[in-house]
Amino acid sequence: MSQRKTITVVVKPDGTVELSADGYKGKSCLEASKFLEEALGLQTGNRKKTPDFYATETVKQTQKA
C-alpha cells in the first residue's frame, strides 16, 4: 500500500509561511510543492530537506513476453 502524500502549509502569526511535503520520496516533493511556492512567492533557497528527500522511490516494472 502506498503512503498518503500531503503538503502542509503553515502561516505563522508574523506572516512567514512554511511548507512541508510528507509521503514523497526523492525530488518528487519539489515538483509537487512548486505551484504553492510560486503562488505564495516563497524563496526556494532556504529549503530544509528531510531524509525522505535523499531516499529513492522503488518502482516496480514488469515485462510481458
Protein backbone atom coordinates (compact mmCIF):
# COMPACT_ATOMS: atom_id res chain seq x y z
CA MET A 1 0.00 0.00 0.00
CA SER A 2 1.37 3.42 -0.85
CA GLN A 3 1.85 6.11 1.74
CA ARG A 4 -0.50 9.09 1.70
CA LYS A 5 1.10 12.21 0.22
CA THR A 6 0.28 15.54 1.84
CA ILE A 7 1.51 19.11 1.59
CA THR A 8 1.02 21.19 4.73
CA VAL A 9 1.04 24.99 4.63
CA VAL A 10 1.57 26.85 7.91
CA VAL A 11 1.15 30.62 8.09
CA LYS A 12 2.69 31.92 11.30
CA PRO A 13 1.42 34.99 13.21
CA ASP A 14 4.37 37.03 11.89
CA GLY A 15 3.29 36.27 8.30
CA THR A 16 6.05 33.79 7.44
CA VAL A 17 4.95 30.67 5.58
CA GLU A 18 6.28 27.13 5.90
CA LEU A 19 5.55 24.23 3.57
CA SER A 20 6.15 20.59 4.33
CA ALA A 21 5.66 17.74 1.91
CA ASP A 22 5.12 14.37 3.57
CA GLY A 23 4.98 10.97 1.93
CA TYR A 24 7.16 11.95 -1.04
CA LYS A 25 10.46 10.24 -1.83
CA GLY A 26 13.36 11.94 -3.57
CA LYS A 27 12.85 15.11 -5.53
CA SER A 28 9.16 14.44 -6.23
CA CYS A 29 8.29 16.74 -3.32
CA LEU A 30 9.83 19.68 -5.17
CA GLU A 31 7.59 19.18 -8.18
CA ALA A 32 4.52 18.61 -6.00
CA SER A 33 5.00 21.81 -3.99
CA LYS A 34 6.26 24.02 -6.82
CA PHE A 35 2.87 25.57 -7.58
CA LEU A 36 2.41 26.60 -3.94
CA GLU A 37 5.91 28.08 -3.69
CA GLU A 38 5.26 30.14 -6.81
CA ALA A 39 1.76 31.23 -5.74
CA LEU A 40 2.98 32.27 -2.29
CA GLY A 41 6.18 33.89 -3.59
CA LEU A 42 8.40 31.77 -1.35
CA GLN A 43 12.17 31.81 -1.52
CA THR A 44 13.25 28.32 -2.58
CA GLY A 45 16.86 28.71 -1.46
CA ASN A 46 16.13 28.07 2.22
CA ARG A 47 14.63 24.59 1.97
CA LYS A 48 15.14 22.16 4.83
CA LYS A 49 15.44 18.73 3.28
CA THR A 50 14.26 15.71 5.23
CA PRO A 51 15.81 12.23 4.97
CA ASP A 52 12.98 11.30 2.56
CA PHE A 53 14.43 13.80 0.07
CA TYR A 54 17.57 11.66 -0.16
CA ALA A 55 15.64 8.37 -0.38
CA THR A 56 14.93 6.66 -3.64
CA GLU A 57 11.46 5.64 -4.70
CA THR A 58 11.00 2.00 -5.59
CA VAL A 59 9.29 1.46 -8.92
CA LYS A 60 8.05 -1.99 -9.86
CA GLN A 61 8.34 -2.84 -13.54
CA THR A 62 7.09 -5.91 -15.29
CA GLN A 63 7.78 -7.06 -18.79
CA LYS A 64 5.33 -9.09 -20.82
CA ALA A 65 6.75 -11.74 -23.12
